[in-house]
Amino acid sequence: MDLGNLFAEIPTDLPEEVFETLADGKGIRIERILSDGHASPKDFWYDQPQNEFVLLLQGSAVLQIQVDERVESVSLKPGDYINIAARQKHRVESTDDNRQTVWLAIHFDS
């Protein structure tokens, strides 16, 4: 049995985003992501082979999602979630500059 708290042991200094795998198994990975004013590098897009369910727990963020030939911006606040389909190109435009952003991401097969 693993017992933890998503808000525990958050470093006060985050020079880079932190990706921590909390659990994984066949076709699924659950991770905590910690951001502090971070964004994806310019012109970088995630293009992942698995679906991704993202729940924003603390802070705020703006994601960019590529839909056909256009890019949509999605603002997230605590409690908001988004399902991103496999191969759906997306990036983090920004995260909260005033408070650390805590995400829960679940990567899973279809």
PDB file of N, CA and C in Angstrom:
ATOM      1  N   MET A   1       0.844  -1.177   0.000  1.00  0.00           N
ATOM      2  CA  MET A   1       0.000   0.000   0.000  1.00  0.00           C
ATOM      3  C   MET A   1       0.887   1.238   0.000  1.00  0.00           C
ATOM      4  N   ASP A   2       0.549   2.186  -0.854  1.00  0.00           N
ATOM      5  CA  ASP A   2       1.225   3.481  -0.880  1.00  0.00           C
ATOM      6  C   ASP A   2       0.252   4.533  -0.400  1.00  0.00           C
ATOM      7  N   LEU A   3       0.690   5.349   0.534  1.00  0.00           N
ATOM      8  CA  LEU A   3      -0.127   6.435   1.063  1.00  0.00           C
ATOM      9  C   LEU A   3       0.638   7.726   0.857  1.00  0.00           C
ATOM     10  N   GLY A   4      -0.010   8.732   0.323  1.00  0.00           N
ATOM     11  CA  GLY A   4       0.678   9.986   0.077  1.00  0.00           C
ATOM     12  C   GLY A   4      -0.295  11.142   0.080  1.00  0.00           C
ATOM     13  N   ASN A   5       0.237  12.320  -0.174  1.00  0.00           N
ATOM     14  CA  ASN A   5      -0.567  13.532  -0.241  1.00  0.00           C
ATOM     15  C   ASN A   5      -0.041  14.355  -1.409  1.00  0.00           C
ATOM     16  N   LEU A   6      -0.913  14.736  -2.323  1.00  0.00           N
ATOM     17  CA  LEU A   6      -0.493  15.466  -3.520  1.00  0.00           C
ATOM     18  C   LEU A   6       0.091  16.837  -3.210  1.00  0.00           C
ATOM     19  N   PHE A   7      -0.199  17.362  -2.023  1.00  0.00           N
ATOM     20  CA  PHE A   7       0.300  18.685  -1.649  1.00  0.00           C
ATOM     21  C   PHE A   7       1.502  18.612  -0.711  1.00  0.00           C
ATOM     22  N   ALA A   8       1.983  17.430  -0.419  1.00  0.00           N
ATOM     23  CA  ALA A   8       3.130  17.248   0.478  1.00  0.00           C
ATOM     24  C   ALA A   8       4.437  17.322  -0.303  1.00  0.00           C
ATOM     25  N   GLU A   9       5.461  17.737   0.376  1.00  0.00           N
ATOM     26  CA  GLU A   9       6.830  17.735  -0.150  1.00  0.00           C
ATOM     27  C   GLU A   9       6.955  18.468  -1.479  1.00  0.00           C
ATOM     28  N   ILE A  10       6.317  19.619  -1.573  1.00  0.00           N
ATOM     29  CA  ILE A  10       6.472  20.460  -2.762  1.00  0.00           C
ATOM     30  C   ILE A  10       7.663  21.382  -2.506  1.00  0.00           C
ATOM     31  N   PRO A  11       8.690  21.299  -3.332  1.00  0.00           N
ATOM     32  CA  PRO A  11       9.854  22.162  -3.129  1.00  0.00           C
ATOM     33  C   PRO A  11       9.463  23.635  -3.244  1.00  0.00           C
ATOM     34  N   THR A  12      10.122  24.476  -2.466  1.00  0.00           N
ATOM     35  CA  THR A  12       9.840  25.911  -2.540  1.00  0.00           C
ATOM     36  C   THR A  12      10.482  26.532  -3.777  1.00  0.00           C
ATOM     37  N   ASP A  13      11.539  25.938  -4.278  1.00  0.00           N
ATOM     38  CA  ASP A  13      12.223  26.439  -5.465  1.00  0.00           C
ATOM     39  C   ASP A  13      12.086  25.404  -6.576  1.00  0.00           C
ATOM     40  N   LEU A  14      11.470  25.807  -7.678  1.00  0.00           N
ATOM     41  CA  LEU A  14      11.280  24.904  -8.819  1.00  0.00           C
ATOM     42  C   LEU A  14      11.905  25.524 -10.067  1.00  0.00           C
ATOM     43  N   PRO A  15      13.212  25.334 -10.262  1.00  0.00           N
ATOM     44  CA  PRO A  15      13.841  25.910 -11.460  1.00  0.00           C
ATOM     45  C   PRO A  15      13.290  25.294 -12.753  1.00  0.00           C
ATOM     46  N   GLU A  16      12.800  24.059 -12.673  1.00  0.00           N
ATOM     47  CA  GLU A  16      12.183  23.376 -13.804  1.00  0.00           C
ATOM     48  C   GLU A  16      10.910  22.704 -13.328  1.00  0.00           C
ATOM     49  N   GLU A  17      10.015  22.400 -14.271  1.00  0.00           N
ATOM     50  CA  GLU A  17       8.825  21.633 -13.909  1.00  0.00           C
ATOM     51  C   GLU A  17       9.264  20.274 -13.384  1.00  0.00           C
ATOM     52  N   VAL A  18       8.469  19.738 -12.448  1.00  0.00           N
ATOM     53  CA  VAL A  18       8.760  18.436 -11.852  1.00  0.00           C
ATOM     54  C   VAL A  18       7.650  17.466 -12.249  1.00  0.00           C
ATOM     55  N   PHE A  19       8.037  16.315 -12.785  1.00  0.00           N
ATOM     56  CA  PHE A  19       7.109  15.254 -13.161  1.00  0.00           C
ATOM     57  C   PHE A  19       7.416  14.041 -12.278  1.00  0.00           C
ATOM     58  N   GLU A  20       6.449  13.638 -11.447  1.00  0.00           N
ATOM     59  CA  GLU A  20       6.648  12.520 -10.517  1.00  0.00           C
ATOM     60  C   GLU A  20       5.612  11.439 -10.801  1.00  0.00           C
ATOM     61  N   THR A  21       6.074  10.239 -11.111  1.00  0.00           N
ATOM     62  CA  THR A  21       5.150   9.123 -11.311  1.00  0.00           C
ATOM     63  C   THR A  21       4.690   8.625  -9.954  1.00  0.00           C
ATOM     64  N   LEU A  22       3.372   8.630  -9.746  1.00  0.00           N
ATOM     65  CA  LEU A  22       2.786   8.160  -8.486  1.00  0.00           C
ATOM     66  C   LEU A  22       2.408   6.692  -8.559  1.00  0.00           C
ATOM     67  N   ALA A  23       1.986   6.257  -9.730  1.00  0.00           N
ATOM     68  CA  ALA A  23       1.601   4.854  -9.938  1.00  0.00           C
ATOM     69  C   ALA A  23       1.611   4.590 -11.438  1.00  0.00           C
ATOM     70  N   ASP A  24       1.918   3.350 -11.791  1.00  0.00           N
ATOM     71  CA  ASP A  24       1.828   2.972 -13.194  1.00  0.00           C
ATOM     72  C   ASP A  24       1.560   1.485 -13.307  1.00  0.00           C
ATOM     73  N   GLY A  25       1.078   1.123 -14.445  1.00  0.00           N
ATOM     74  CA  GLY A  25       0.748  -0.273 -14.708  1.00  0.00           C
ATOM     75  C   GLY A  25       0.524  -0.430 -16.201  1.00  0.00           C
ATOM     76  N   LYS A  26       0.002  -1.556 -16.574  1.00  0.00           N
ATOM     77  CA  LYS A  26      -0.219  -1.843 -17.986  1.00  0.00           C
ATOM     78  C   LYS A  26      -1.192  -0.823 -18.584  1.00  0.00           C
ATOM     79  N   GLY A  27      -0.672   0.030 -19.459  1.00  0.00           N
ATOM     80  CA  GLY A  27      -1.498   0.971 -20.172  1.00  0.00           C
ATOM     81  C   GLY A  27      -1.911   2.217 -19.405  1.00  0.00           C
ATOM     82  N   ILE A  28      -1.300   2.458 -18.216  1.00  0.00           N
ATOM     83  CA  ILE A  28      -1.684   3.639 -17.427  1.00  0.00           C
ATOM     84  C   ILE A  28      -0.492   4.153 -16.620  1.00  0.00           C
ATOM     85  N   ARG A  29      -0.418   5.477 -16.507  1.00  0.00           N
ATOM     86  CA  ARG A  29       0.583   6.113 -15.649  1.00  0.00           C
ATOM     87  C   ARG A  29      -0.077   7.320 -15.005  1.00  0.00           C
ATOM     88  N   ILE A  30       0.069   7.459 -13.704  1.00  0.00           N
ATOM     89  CA  ILE A  30      -0.489   8.585 -12.959  1.00  0.00           C
ATOM     90  C   ILE A  30       0.680   9.393 -12.418  1.00  0.00           C
ATOM     91  N   GLU A  31       0.641  10.694 -12.680  1.00  0.00           N
ATOM     92  CA  GLU A  31       1.757  11.516 -12.228  1.00  0.00           C
ATOM     93  C   GLU A  31       1.286  12.836 -11.636  1.00  0.00           C
ATOM     94  N   ARG A  32       2.130  13.349 -10.747  1.00  0.00           N
ATOM     95  CA  ARG A  32       1.950  14.693 -10.211  1.00  0.00           C
ATOM     96  C   ARG A  32       2.930  15.580 -10.958  1.00  0.00           C
ATOM     97  N   ILE A  33       2.434  16.730 -11.406  1.00  0.00           N
ATOM     98  CA  ILE A  33       3.271  17.699 -12.093  1.00  0.00           C
ATOM     99  C   ILE A  33       3.259  18.983 -11.267  1.00  0.00           C
ATOM    100  N   LEU A  34       4.439  19.533 -11.038  1.00  0.00           N
ATOM    101  CA  LEU A  34       4.590  20.774 -10.277  1.00  0.00           C
ATOM    102  C   LEU A  34       5.173  21.838 -11.190  1.00  0.00           C
ATOM    103  N   SER A  35       4.516  22.983 -11.256  1.00  0.00           N
ATOM    104  CA  SER A  35       4.970  24.099 -12.092  1.00  0.00           C
ATOM    105  C   SER A  35       5.002  25.368 -11.246  1.00  0.00           C
ATOM    106  N   ASP A  36       5.848  26.284 -11.644  1.00  0.00           N
ATOM    107  CA  ASP A  36       5.944  27.564 -10.938  1.00  0.00           C
ATOM    108  C   ASP A  36       6.324  28.637 -11.958  1.00  0.00           C
ATOM    109  N   GLY A  37       5.320  29.102 -12.695  1.00  0.00           N
ATOM    110  CA  GLY A  37       5.582  30.079 -13.735  1.00  0.00           C
ATOM    111  C   GLY A  37       6.190  29.475 -14.990  1.00  0.00           C
ATOM    112  N   HIS A  38       6.152  28.164 -15.108  1.00  0.00           N
ATOM    113  CA  HIS A  38       6.762  27.492 -16.253  1.00  0.00           C
ATOM    114  C   HIS A  38       5.838  27.475 -17.465  1.00  0.00           C
ATOM    115  N   ALA A  39       6.438  27.263 -18.610  1.00  0.00           N
ATOM    116  CA  ALA A  39       5.715  27.111 -19.867  1.00  0.00           C
ATOM    117  C   ALA A  39       6.523  26.169 -20.750  1.00  0.00           C
ATOM    118  N   SER A  40       5.859  25.611 -21.749  1.00  0.00           N
ATOM    119  CA  SER A  40       6.583  24.789 -22.719  1.00  0.00           C
ATOM    120  C   SER A  40       7.545  25.684 -23.502  1.00  0.00           C
ATOM    121  N   PRO A  41       8.658  25.115 -23.947  1.00  0.00           N
ATOM    122  CA  PRO A  41       9.573  25.915 -24.781  1.00  0.00           C
ATOM    123  C   PRO A  41       8.859  26.428 -26.035  1.00  0.00           C
ATOM    124  N   LYS A  42       9.302  27.564 -26.516  1.00  0.00           N
ATOM    125  CA  LYS A  42       8.714  28.162 -27.719  1.00  0.00           C
ATOM    126  C   LYS A  42       8.727  27.140 -28.859  1.00  0.00           C
ATOM    127  N   ASP A  43       7.612  27.014 -29.536  1.00  0.00           N
ATOM    128  CA  ASP A  43       7.440  26.112 -30.686  1.00  0.00           C
ATOM    129  C   ASP A  43       7.498  24.624 -30.321  1.00  0.00           C
ATOM    130  N   PHE A  44       7.477  24.280 -29.033  1.00  0.00           N
ATOM    131  CA  PHE A  44       7.437  22.868 -28.615  1.00  0.00           C
ATOM    132  C   PHE A  44       5.986  22.441 -28.425  1.00  0.00           C
ATOM    133  N   TRP A  45       5.651  21.261 -28.926  1.00  0.00           N
ATOM    134  CA  TRP A  45       4.304  20.692 -28.782  1.00  0.00           C
ATOM    135  C   TRP A  45       4.424  19.262 -28.292  1.00  0.00           C
ATOM    136  N   TYR A  46       3.644  18.920 -27.253  1.00  0.00           N
ATOM    137  CA  TYR A  46       3.528  17.522 -26.843  1.00  0.00           C
ATOM    138  C   TYR A  46       2.716  16.801 -27.913  1.00  0.00           C
ATOM    139  N   ASP A  47       3.127  15.588 -28.240  1.00  0.00           N
ATOM    140  CA  ASP A  47       2.437  14.743 -29.210  1.00  0.00           C
ATOM    141  C   ASP A  47       2.572  13.319 -28.681  1.00  0.00           C
ATOM    142  N   GLN A  48       1.754  12.982 -27.700  1.00  0.00           N
ATOM    143  CA  GLN A  48       1.915  11.761 -26.911  1.00  0.00           C
ATOM    144  C   GLN A  48       1.117  10.589 -27.481  1.00  0.00           C
ATOM    145  N   PRO A  49       1.642   9.378 -27.318  1.00  0.00           N
ATOM    146  CA  PRO A  49       0.951   8.199 -27.855  1.00  0.00           C
ATOM    147  C   PRO A  49      -0.243   7.741 -27.009  1.00  0.00           C
ATOM    148  N   GLN A  50      -0.391   8.273 -25.793  1.00  0.00           N
ATOM    149  CA  GLN A  50      -1.502   7.895 -24.923  1.00  0.00           C
ATOM    150  C   GLN A  50      -2.448   9.070 -24.730  1.00  0.00           C
ATOM    151  N   ASN A  51      -3.684   8.759 -24.346  1.00  0.00           N
ATOM    152  CA  ASN A  51      -4.624   9.780 -23.903  1.00  0.00           C
ATOM    153  C   ASN A  51      -4.103  10.351 -22.589  1.00  0.00           C
ATOM    154  N   GLU A  52      -4.502  11.587 -22.284  1.00  0.00           N
ATOM    155  CA  GLU A  52      -4.084  12.198 -21.026  1.00  0.00           C
ATOM    156  C   GLU A  52      -5.260  12.948 -20.407  1.00  0.00           C
ATOM    157  N   PHE A  53      -5.599  12.564 -19.194  1.00  0.00           N
ATOM    158  CA  PHE A  53      -6.588  13.267 -18.383  1.00  0.00           C
ATOM    159  C   PHE A  53      -5.795  14.145 -17.431  1.00  0.00           C
ATOM    160  N   VAL A  54      -6.064  15.454 -17.441  1.00  0.00           N
ATOM    161  CA  VAL A  54      -5.329  16.393 -16.598  1.00  0.00           C
ATOM    162  C   VAL A  54      -6.313  17.121 -15.689  1.00  0.00           C
ATOM    163  N   LEU A  55      -6.027  17.110 -14.394  1.00  0.00           N
ATOM    164  CA  LEU A  55      -6.823  17.816 -13.390  1.00  0.00           C
ATOM    165  C   LEU A  55      -5.923  18.846 -12.741  1.00  0.00           C
ATOM    166  N   LEU A  56      -6.334  20.110 -12.770  1.00  0.00           N
ATOM    167  CA  LEU A  56      -5.567  21.161 -12.123  1.00  0.00           C
ATOM    168  C   LEU A  56      -6.046  21.289 -10.679  1.00  0.00           C
ATOM    169  N   LEU A  57      -5.138  21.114  -9.724  1.00  0.00           N
ATOM    170  CA  LEU A  57      -5.484  21.085  -8.304  1.00  0.00           C
ATOM    171  C   LEU A  57      -5.223  22.414  -7.594  1.00  0.00           C
ATOM    172  N   GLN A  58      -4.176  23.116  -8.022  1.00  0.00           N
ATOM    173  CA  GLN A  58      -3.776  24.356  -7.358  1.00  0.00           C
ATOM    174  C   GLN A  58      -3.092  25.242  -8.386  1.00  0.00           C
ATOM    175  N   GLY A  59      -3.236  26.549  -8.228  1.00  0.00           N
ATOM    176  CA  GLY A  59      -2.616  27.478  -9.162  1.00  0.00           C
ATOM    177  C   GLY A  59      -3.509  27.718 -10.361  1.00  0.00           C
ATOM    178  N   SER A  60      -2.892  28.007 -11.486  1.00  0.00           N
ATOM    179  CA  SER A  60      -3.642  28.209 -12.725  1.00  0.00           C
ATOM    180  C   SER A  60      -2.722  27.927 -13.901  1.00  0.00           C
ATOM    181  N   ALA A  61      -3.335  27.734 -15.065  1.00  0.00           N
ATOM    182  CA  ALA A  61      -2.550  27.433 -16.256  1.00  0.00           C
ATOM    183  C   ALA A  61      -3.351  27.779 -17.500  1.00  0.00           C
ATOM    184  N   VAL A  62      -2.624  27.999 -18.575  1.00  0.00           N
ATOM    185  CA  VAL A  62      -3.229  28.157 -19.890  1.00  0.00           C
ATOM    186  C   VAL A  62      -2.561  27.137 -20.802  1.00  0.00           C
ATOM    187  N   LEU A  63      -3.387  26.277 -21.399  1.00  0.00           N
ATOM    188  CA  LEU A  63      -2.909  25.296 -22.364  1.00  0.00           C
ATOM    189  C   LEU A  63      -3.262  25.770 -23.763  1.00  0.00           C
ATOM    190  N   GLN A  64      -2.459  25.387 -24.721  1.00  0.00           N
ATOM    191  CA  GLN A  64      -2.800  25.586 -26.125  1.00  0.00           C
ATOM    192  C   GLN A  64      -2.993  24.200 -26.729  1.00  0.00           C
ATOM    193  N   ILE A  65      -4.117  24.026 -27.417  1.00  0.00           N
ATOM    194  CA  ILE A  65      -4.473  22.756 -28.034  1.00  0.00           C
ATOM    195  C   ILE A  65      -4.585  22.993 -29.535  1.00  0.00           C
ATOM    196  N   GLN A  66      -3.878  22.185 -30.313  1.00  0.00           N
ATOM    197  CA  GLN A  66      -3.973  22.317 -31.761  1.00  0.00           C
ATOM    198  C   GLN A  66      -5.180  21.516 -32.242  1.00  0.00           C
ATOM    199  N   VAL A  67      -6.107  22.207 -32.888  1.00  0.00           N
ATOM    200  CA  VAL A  67      -7.325  21.590 -33.412  1.00  0.00           C
ATOM    201  C   VAL A  67      -7.363  21.877 -34.905  1.00  0.00           C
ATOM    202  N   ASP A  68      -7.168  20.828 -35.697  1.00  0.00           N
ATOM    203  CA  ASP A  68      -7.073  20.984 -37.151  1.00  0.00           C
ATOM    204  C   ASP A  68      -5.993  22.017 -37.466  1.00  0.00           C
ATOM    205  N   GLU A  69      -6.337  23.099 -38.107  1.00  0.00           N
ATOM    206  CA  GLU A  69      -5.351  24.111 -38.506  1.00  0.00           C
ATOM    207  C   GLU A  69      -5.284  25.299 -37.553  1.00  0.00           C
ATOM    208  N   ARG A  70      -6.038  25.239 -36.462  1.00  0.00           N
ATOM    209  CA  ARG A  70      -6.044  26.376 -35.538  1.00  0.00           C
ATOM    210  C   ARG A  70      -5.554  25.934 -34.153  1.00  0.00           C
ATOM    211  N   VAL A  71      -5.260  26.932 -33.328  1.00  0.00           N
ATOM    212  CA  VAL A  71      -4.820  26.687 -31.959  1.00  0.00           C
ATOM    213  C   VAL A  71      -5.836  27.319 -31.019  1.00  0.00           C
ATOM    214  N   GLU A  72      -6.324  26.520 -30.072  1.00  0.00           N
ATOM    215  CA  GLU A  72      -7.271  27.015 -29.068  1.00  0.00           C
ATOM    216  C   GLU A  72      -6.568  27.142 -27.736  1.00  0.00           C
ATOM    217  N   SER A  73      -6.835  28.216 -27.012  1.00  0.00           N
ATOM    218  CA  SER A  73      -6.313  28.400 -25.660  1.00  0.00           C
ATOM    219  C   SER A  73      -7.365  27.980 -24.653  1.00  0.00           C
ATOM    220  N   VAL A  74      -6.928  27.244 -23.645  1.00  0.00           N
ATOM    221  CA  VAL A  74      -7.817  26.765 -22.591  1.00  0.00           C
ATOM    222  C   VAL A  74      -7.240  27.209 -21.258  1.00  0.00           C
ATOM    223  N   SER A  75      -7.988  28.017 -20.521  1.00  0.00           N
ATOM    224  CA  SER A  75      -7.566  28.459 -19.185  1.00  0.00           C
ATOM    225  C   SER A  75      -8.085  27.485 -18.147  1.00  0.00           C
ATOM    226  N   LEU A  76      -7.213  27.094 -17.221  1.00  0.00           N
ATOM    227  CA  LEU A  76      -7.579  26.155 -16.162  1.00  0.00           C
ATOM    228  C   LEU A  76      -7.386  26.793 -14.800  1.00  0.00           C
ATOM    229  N   LYS A  77      -8.342  26.548 -13.912  1.00  0.00           N
ATOM    230  CA  LYS A  77      -8.258  26.974 -12.515  1.00  0.00           C
ATOM    231  C   LYS A  77      -8.483  25.732 -11.656  1.00  0.00           C
ATOM    232  N   PRO A  78      -8.251  25.805 -10.350  1.00  0.00           N
ATOM    233  CA  PRO A  78      -8.409  24.614  -9.510  1.00  0.00           C
ATOM    234  C   PRO A  78      -9.777  23.941  -9.700  1.00  0.00           C
ATOM    235  N   GLY A  79      -9.719  22.643  -9.900  1.00  0.00           N
ATOM    236  CA  GLY A  79     -10.922  21.836 -10.113  1.00  0.00           C
ATOM    237  C   GLY A  79     -11.216  21.575 -11.574  1.00  0.00           C
ATOM    238  N   ASP A  80     -10.624  22.352 -12.478  1.00  0.00           N
ATOM    239  CA  ASP A  80     -10.850  22.140 -13.909  1.00  0.00           C
ATOM    240  C   ASP A  80     -10.053  20.935 -14.394  1.00  0.00           C
ATOM    241  N   TYR A  81     -10.634  20.221 -15.352  1.00  0.00           N
ATOM    242  CA  TYR A  81      -9.924  19.101 -15.962  1.00  0.00           C
ATOM    243  C   TYR A  81     -10.137  19.125 -17.457  1.00  0.00           C
ATOM    244  N   ILE A  82      -9.267  18.414 -18.157  1.00  0.00           N
ATOM    245  CA  ILE A  82      -9.355  18.301 -19.600  1.00  0.00           C
ATOM    246  C   ILE A  82      -8.884  16.912 -19.999  1.00  0.00           C
ATOM    247  N   ASN A  83      -9.561  16.334 -20.970  1.00  0.00           N
ATOM    248  CA  ASN A  83      -9.140  15.079 -21.581  1.00  0.00           C
ATOM    249  C   ASN A  83      -8.468  15.415 -22.902  1.00  0.00           C
ATOM    250  N   ILE A  84      -7.238  14.996 -23.052  1.00  0.00           N
ATOM    251  CA  ILE A  84      -6.490  15.257 -24.274  1.00  0.00           C
ATOM    252  C   ILE A  84      -6.286  13.912 -24.969  1.00  0.00           C
ATOM    253  N   ALA A  85      -6.797  13.805 -26.170  1.00  0.00           N
ATOM    254  CA  ALA A  85      -6.710  12.543 -26.918  1.00  0.00           C
ATOM    255  C   ALA A  85      -5.268  12.252 -27.322  1.00  0.00           C
ATOM    256  N   ALA A  86      -4.966  10.982 -27.474  1.00  0.00           N
ATOM    257  CA  ALA A  86      -3.652  10.575 -27.974  1.00  0.00           C
ATOM    258  C   ALA A  86      -3.361  11.303 -29.280  1.00  0.00           C
ATOM    259  N   ARG A  87      -2.139  11.765 -29.438  1.00  0.00           N
ATOM    260  CA  ARG A  87      -1.650  12.473 -30.621  1.00  0.00           C
ATOM    261  C   ARG A  87      -2.231  13.872 -30.804  1.00  0.00           C
ATOM    262  N   GLN A  88      -3.037  14.333 -29.832  1.00  0.00           N
ATOM    263  CA  GLN A  88      -3.553  15.712 -29.876  1.00  0.00           C
ATOM    264  C   GLN A  88      -2.415  16.631 -29.465  1.00  0.00           C
ATOM    265  N   LYS A  89      -1.938  17.432 -30.375  1.00  0.00           N
ATOM    266  CA  LYS A  89      -0.812  18.307 -30.053  1.00  0.00           C
ATOM    267  C   LYS A  89      -1.275  19.382 -29.074  1.00  0.00           C
ATOM    268  N   HIS A  90      -0.449  19.589 -28.031  1.00  0.00           N
ATOM    269  CA  HIS A  90      -0.767  20.568 -26.993  1.00  0.00           C
ATOM    270  C   HIS A  90       0.514  21.062 -26.341  1.00  0.00           C
ATOM    271  N   ARG A  91       0.394  22.191 -25.672  1.00  0.00           N
ATOM    272  CA  ARG A  91       1.547  22.767 -24.980  1.00  0.00           C
ATOM    273  C   ARG A  91       1.048  23.609 -23.808  1.00  0.00           C
ATOM    274  N   VAL A  92       1.939  23.876 -22.872  1.00  0.00           N
ATOM    275  CA  VAL A  92       1.621  24.746 -21.744  1.00  0.00           C
ATOM    276  C   VAL A  92       2.066  26.150 -22.124  1.00  0.00           C
ATOM    277  N   GLU A  93       1.089  27.043 -22.278  1.00  0.00           N
ATOM    278  CA  GLU A  93       1.393  28.435 -22.623  1.00  0.00           C
ATOM    279  C   GLU A  93       1.927  29.177 -21.398  1.00  0.00           C
ATOM    280  N   SER A  94       1.302  28.916 -20.219  1.00  0.00           N
ATOM    281  CA  SER A  94       1.763  29.576 -18.994  1.00  0.00           C
ATOM    282  C   SER A  94       1.199  28.855 -17.777  1.00  0.00           C
ATOM    283  N   THR A  95       1.886  29.049 -16.661  1.00  0.00           N
ATOM    284  CA  THR A  95       1.368  28.622 -15.357  1.00  0.00           C
ATOM    285  C   THR A  95       1.507  29.793 -14.399  1.00  0.00           C
ATOM    286  N   ASP A  96       0.821  29.704 -13.295  1.00  0.00           N
ATOM    287  CA  ASP A  96       0.720  30.783 -12.314  1.00  0.00           C
ATOM    288  C   ASP A  96       2.101  31.286 -11.878  1.00  0.00           C
ATOM    289  N   ASP A  97       2.297  32.596 -11.943  1.00  0.00           N
ATOM    290  CA  ASP A  97       3.548  33.216 -11.494  1.00  0.00           C
ATOM    291  C   ASP A  97       3.545  33.482  -9.994  1.00  0.00           C
ATOM    292  N   ASN A  98       2.357  33.498  -9.379  1.00  0.00           N
ATOM    293  CA  ASN A  98       2.236  33.886  -7.974  1.00  0.00           C
ATOM    294  C   ASN A  98       2.053  32.712  -7.028  1.00  0.00           C
ATOM    295  N   ARG A  99       1.777  31.545  -7.573  1.00  0.00           N
ATOM    296  CA  ARG A  99       1.523  30.370  -6.744  1.00  0.00           C
ATOM    297  C   ARG A  99       1.912  29.131  -7.532  1.00  0.00           C
ATOM    298  N   GLN A 100       2.478  28.164  -6.844  1.00  0.00           N
ATOM    299  CA  GLN A 100       2.844  26.934  -7.542  1.00  0.00           C
ATOM    300  C   GLN A 100       1.585  26.251  -8.081  1.00  0.00           C
ATOM    301  N   THR A 101       1.733  25.670  -9.253  1.00  0.00           N
ATOM    302  CA  THR A 101       0.634  24.958  -9.887  1.00  0.00           C
ATOM    303  C   THR A 101       0.858  23.465  -9.687  1.00  0.00           C
ATOM    304  N   VAL A 102      -0.188  22.793  -9.204  1.00  0.00           N
ATOM    305  CA  VAL A 102      -0.134  21.348  -8.964  1.00  0.00           C
ATOM    306  C   VAL A 102      -1.158  20.685  -9.875  1.00  0.00           C
ATOM    307  N   TRP A 103      -0.690  19.734 -10.658  1.00  0.00           N
ATOM    308  CA  TRP A 103      -1.525  19.002 -11.605  1.00  0.00           C
ATOM    309  C   TRP A 103      -1.534  17.521 -11.241  1.00  0.00           C
ATOM    310  N   LEU A 104      -2.604  16.850 -11.587  1.00  0.00           N
ATOM    311  CA  LEU A 104      -2.653  15.388 -11.572  1.00  0.00           C
ATOM    312  C   LEU A 104      -2.914  14.968 -13.008  1.00  0.00           C
ATOM    313  N   ALA A 105      -2.023  14.167 -13.570  1.00  0.00           N
ATOM    314  CA  ALA A 105      -2.157  13.722 -14.953  1.00  0.00           C
ATOM    315  C   ALA A 105      -2.242  12.204 -14.981  1.00  0.00           C
ATOM    316  N   ILE A 106      -3.187  11.712 -15.752  1.00  0.00           N
ATOM    317  CA  ILE A 106      -3.362  10.271 -15.926  1.00  0.00           C
ATOM    318  C   ILE A 106      -3.206   9.976 -17.414  1.00  0.00           C
ATOM    319  N   HIS A 107      -2.166   9.250 -17.756  1.00  0.00           N
ATOM    320  CA  HIS A 107      -1.911   8.840 -19.137  1.00  0.00           C
ATOM    321  C   HIS A 107      -2.451   7.425 -19.285  1.00  0.00           C
ATOM    322  N   PHE A 108      -3.266   7.188 -20.321  1.00  0.00           N
ATOM    323  CA  PHE A 108      -3.881   5.870 -20.456  1.00  0.00           C
ATOM    324  C   PHE A 108      -4.109   5.509 -21.911  1.00  0.00           C
ATOM    325  N   ASP A 109      -4.125   4.208 -22.169  1.00  0.00           N
ATOM    326  CA  ASP A 109      -4.423   3.697 -23.503  1.00  0.00           C
ATOM    327  C   ASP A 109      -5.917   3.764 -23.760  1.00  0.00           C
ATOM    328  N   SER A 110      -6.280   3.776 -25.028  1.00  0.00           N
ATOM    329  CA  SER A 110      -7.700   3.777 -25.410  1.00  0.00           C
ATOM    330  C   SER A 110      -8.334   2.436 -25.119  1.00  0.00           C
TER     331      SER A 110
END
